[in-house]
């Protein structure tokens, strides 16, 4: 692909709505770093398990600010 064609493609992508640019970026990134379907399935299962634990009250979410504060304290010693 020539620089001219690449630049034209970039210009066209930049003119798209944000949602479409996200779709294009995701598609391009997948070609650079293909998804391992087995690992992806494991992550989906883990996410579903965590969501179910939160919904059932078995665990409680921790606010992100609190998590980052604890990390900073732990590593600033």
N, C-alpha and C. Protein backbone atom coordinates (compact mmCIF):
# COMPACT_ATOMS: atom_id res chain seq x y z
N UNK A 1 0.86 -1.17 0.00
CA UNK A 1 0.00 0.00 0.00
C UNK A 1 0.90 1.23 0.00
N UNK A 2 0.59 2.18 -0.81
CA UNK A 2 1.42 3.38 -0.91
C UNK A 2 1.09 4.35 0.23
N UNK A 3 2.03 5.27 0.48
CA UNK A 3 1.81 6.29 1.50
C UNK A 3 0.55 7.10 1.21
N UNK A 4 0.32 7.38 -0.08
CA UNK A 4 -0.84 8.16 -0.47
C UNK A 4 -2.13 7.43 -0.10
N UNK A 5 -2.17 6.13 -0.39
CA UNK A 5 -3.35 5.32 -0.07
C UNK A 5 -3.53 5.23 1.44
N UNK A 6 -2.43 5.03 2.16
CA UNK A 6 -2.49 4.94 3.62
C UNK A 6 -3.01 6.24 4.20
N UNK A 7 -2.50 7.36 3.73
CA UNK A 7 -2.95 8.66 4.23
C UNK A 7 -4.42 8.90 3.94
N UNK A 8 -4.87 8.47 2.76
CA UNK A 8 -6.29 8.61 2.40
C UNK A 8 -7.15 7.76 3.34
N UNK A 9 -6.68 6.55 3.62
CA UNK A 9 -7.40 5.66 4.52
C UNK A 9 -7.48 6.26 5.93
N UNK A 10 -6.36 6.80 6.40
CA UNK A 10 -6.34 7.44 7.73
C UNK A 10 -7.30 8.62 7.76
N UNK A 11 -7.29 9.44 6.73
CA UNK A 11 -8.21 10.58 6.68
C UNK A 11 -9.66 10.13 6.73
N UNK A 12 -9.96 9.06 6.00
CA UNK A 12 -11.33 8.56 5.99
C UNK A 12 -11.73 8.02 7.37
N UNK A 13 -10.81 7.30 8.02
CA UNK A 13 -11.10 6.77 9.35
C UNK A 13 -11.32 7.91 10.34
N UNK A 14 -10.48 8.95 10.25
CA UNK A 14 -10.61 10.09 11.17
C UNK A 14 -11.93 10.82 11.01
N UNK A 15 -12.55 10.70 9.85
CA UNK A 15 -13.83 11.39 9.62
C UNK A 15 -15.02 10.59 10.15
N UNK A 16 -14.78 9.35 10.55
CA UNK A 16 -15.88 8.51 11.06
C UNK A 16 -16.30 8.95 12.46
N UNK A 17 -17.53 8.59 12.84
CA UNK A 17 -17.97 8.83 14.23
C UNK A 17 -17.10 8.00 15.18
N UNK A 18 -17.03 8.43 16.42
CA UNK A 18 -16.19 7.78 17.43
C UNK A 18 -16.44 6.27 17.49
N UNK A 19 -17.70 5.87 17.51
CA UNK A 19 -18.02 4.44 17.64
C UNK A 19 -17.42 3.64 16.50
N UNK A 20 -17.47 4.18 15.29
CA UNK A 20 -16.92 3.48 14.13
C UNK A 20 -15.39 3.46 14.18
N UNK A 21 -14.77 4.54 14.66
CA UNK A 21 -13.31 4.56 14.79
C UNK A 21 -12.86 3.52 15.81
N UNK A 22 -13.63 3.36 16.88
CA UNK A 22 -13.32 2.34 17.89
C UNK A 22 -13.38 0.96 17.24
N UNK A 23 -14.40 0.73 16.44
CA UNK A 23 -14.54 -0.56 15.74
C UNK A 23 -13.34 -0.83 14.83
N UNK A 24 -12.92 0.19 14.08
CA UNK A 24 -11.78 0.05 13.18
C UNK A 24 -10.51 -0.23 13.98
N UNK A 25 -10.30 0.55 15.04
CA UNK A 25 -9.10 0.37 15.87
C UNK A 25 -9.07 -1.03 16.47
N UNK A 26 -10.20 -1.50 16.98
CA UNK A 26 -10.27 -2.84 17.57
C UNK A 26 -9.93 -3.90 16.52
N UNK A 27 -10.46 -3.74 15.34
CA UNK A 27 -10.21 -4.70 14.26
C UNK A 27 -8.73 -4.73 13.88
N UNK A 28 -8.12 -3.56 13.77
CA UNK A 28 -6.69 -3.49 13.42
C UNK A 28 -5.85 -4.10 14.54
N UNK A 29 -6.17 -3.78 15.78
CA UNK A 29 -5.40 -4.32 16.91
C UNK A 29 -5.49 -5.84 16.97
N UNK A 30 -6.64 -6.38 16.63
CA UNK A 30 -6.79 -7.84 16.63
C UNK A 30 -5.88 -8.50 15.59
N UNK A 31 -5.59 -7.80 14.50
CA UNK A 31 -4.68 -8.38 13.50
C UNK A 31 -3.24 -8.34 13.99
N UNK A 32 -2.93 -7.42 14.88
CA UNK A 32 -1.57 -7.32 15.42
C UNK A 32 -1.36 -8.27 16.59
N UNK A 33 -2.42 -8.52 17.33
CA UNK A 33 -2.34 -9.36 18.53
C UNK A 33 -3.59 -10.25 18.57
N UNK A 34 -3.57 -11.34 17.80
CA UNK A 34 -4.77 -12.18 17.71
C UNK A 34 -5.21 -12.72 19.07
N UNK A 35 -6.51 -12.83 19.24
CA UNK A 35 -7.09 -13.31 20.48
C UNK A 35 -6.99 -14.83 20.53
N UNK A 36 -6.50 -15.34 21.65
CA UNK A 36 -6.49 -16.79 21.89
C UNK A 36 -7.87 -17.14 22.42
N UNK A 37 -8.65 -17.87 21.65
CA UNK A 37 -10.05 -18.15 22.00
C UNK A 37 -10.19 -18.90 23.32
N UNK A 38 -9.24 -19.79 23.62
CA UNK A 38 -9.31 -20.52 24.88
C UNK A 38 -9.14 -19.58 26.07
N UNK A 39 -8.15 -18.69 25.97
CA UNK A 39 -7.91 -17.73 27.06
C UNK A 39 -9.08 -16.75 27.15
N UNK A 40 -9.57 -16.31 26.01
CA UNK A 40 -10.71 -15.39 26.00
C UNK A 40 -11.92 -16.02 26.70
N UNK A 41 -12.16 -17.29 26.44
CA UNK A 41 -13.26 -18.00 27.09
C UNK A 41 -13.07 -18.09 28.60
N UNK A 42 -11.82 -18.30 29.02
CA UNK A 42 -11.53 -18.35 30.46
C UNK A 42 -11.79 -17.00 31.12
N UNK A 43 -11.40 -15.91 30.43
CA UNK A 43 -11.64 -14.57 30.98
C UNK A 43 -13.13 -14.29 31.07
N UNK A 44 -13.89 -14.70 30.08
CA UNK A 44 -15.34 -14.48 30.10
C UNK A 44 -15.96 -15.24 31.27
N UNK A 45 -15.54 -16.49 31.46
CA UNK A 45 -16.04 -17.29 32.59
C UNK A 45 -15.71 -16.62 33.91
N UNK A 46 -14.47 -16.15 34.05
CA UNK A 46 -14.05 -15.48 35.29
C UNK A 46 -14.87 -14.21 35.54
N UNK A 47 -15.07 -13.42 34.49
CA UNK A 47 -15.86 -12.19 34.63
C UNK A 47 -17.30 -12.51 35.05
N UNK A 48 -17.88 -13.54 34.44
CA UNK A 48 -19.24 -13.93 34.80
C UNK A 48 -19.31 -14.40 36.26
N UNK A 49 -18.30 -15.18 36.69
CA UNK A 49 -18.26 -15.64 38.08
C UNK A 49 -18.17 -14.47 39.05
N UNK A 50 -17.32 -13.51 38.74
CA UNK A 50 -17.17 -12.34 39.62
C UNK A 50 -18.45 -11.53 39.67
N UNK A 51 -19.10 -11.36 38.53
CA UNK A 51 -20.35 -10.61 38.49
C UNK A 51 -21.41 -11.33 39.33
N UNK A 52 -21.49 -12.64 39.19
CA UNK A 52 -22.46 -13.41 39.97
C UNK A 52 -22.18 -13.30 41.47
N UNK A 53 -20.89 -13.32 41.86
CA UNK A 53 -20.53 -13.16 43.28
C UNK A 53 -20.97 -11.80 43.80
N UNK A 54 -20.82 -10.75 42.99
CA UNK A 54 -21.24 -9.42 43.42
C UNK A 54 -22.76 -9.35 43.52
N UNK A 55 -23.46 -9.89 42.53
CA UNK A 55 -24.92 -9.86 42.54
C UNK A 55 -25.50 -10.62 43.72
N UNK A 56 -24.85 -11.73 44.10
CA UNK A 56 -25.35 -12.55 45.20
C UNK A 56 -24.99 -11.98 46.57
N UNK A 57 -24.09 -10.98 46.59
CA UNK A 57 -23.67 -10.40 47.86
C UNK A 57 -22.51 -11.14 48.51
N UNK A 58 -21.99 -12.15 47.84
CA UNK A 58 -20.87 -12.92 48.37
C UNK A 58 -19.62 -12.04 48.51
N UNK A 59 -19.44 -11.12 47.58
CA UNK A 59 -18.34 -10.16 47.64
C UNK A 59 -18.89 -8.76 47.38
N UNK A 60 -18.15 -7.77 47.85
CA UNK A 60 -18.54 -6.38 47.63
C UNK A 60 -17.49 -5.68 46.78
N UNK A 61 -17.92 -4.83 45.87
CA UNK A 61 -16.94 -4.10 45.06
C UNK A 61 -16.16 -3.11 45.92
N UNK A 62 -14.93 -2.83 45.52
CA UNK A 62 -14.09 -1.86 46.22
C UNK A 62 -13.89 -0.69 45.26
N UNK A 63 -14.15 0.54 45.71
CA UNK A 63 -13.97 1.70 44.83
C UNK A 63 -12.53 1.78 44.32
N UNK A 64 -12.38 2.14 43.06
CA UNK A 64 -11.06 2.23 42.44
C UNK A 64 -10.10 3.13 43.19
N UNK A 65 -10.59 4.27 43.70
CA UNK A 65 -9.71 5.19 44.44
C UNK A 65 -9.10 4.49 45.65
N UNK A 66 -9.89 3.68 46.32
CA UNK A 66 -9.41 2.96 47.50
C UNK A 66 -8.34 1.93 47.09
N UNK A 67 -8.57 1.25 46.01
CA UNK A 67 -7.61 0.25 45.52
C UNK A 67 -6.28 0.92 45.20
N UNK A 68 -6.33 2.03 44.45
CA UNK A 68 -5.09 2.71 44.06
C UNK A 68 -4.37 3.30 45.26
N UNK A 69 -5.13 3.77 46.24
CA UNK A 69 -4.51 4.30 47.47
C UNK A 69 -3.74 3.20 48.20
N UNK A 70 -4.35 2.02 48.30
CA UNK A 70 -3.67 0.90 48.95
C UNK A 70 -2.42 0.48 48.18
N UNK A 71 -2.49 0.47 46.88
CA UNK A 71 -1.33 0.11 46.07
C UNK A 71 -0.22 1.12 46.27
N UNK A 72 -0.58 2.40 46.26
CA UNK A 72 0.44 3.45 46.43
C UNK A 72 1.10 3.34 47.80
N UNK A 73 0.31 3.11 48.84
CA UNK A 73 0.88 2.95 50.17
C UNK A 73 1.81 1.76 50.24
N UNK A 74 1.42 0.67 49.64
CA UNK A 74 2.22 -0.55 49.68
C UNK A 74 3.57 -0.37 48.99
N UNK A 75 3.59 0.34 47.87
CA UNK A 75 4.81 0.45 47.08
C UNK A 75 5.61 1.72 47.35
N UNK A 76 5.13 2.60 48.21
CA UNK A 76 5.86 3.84 48.48
C UNK A 76 6.76 3.69 49.73
N UNK A 77 6.78 2.53 50.31
CA UNK A 77 7.58 2.29 51.51
C UNK A 77 9.04 2.18 51.17
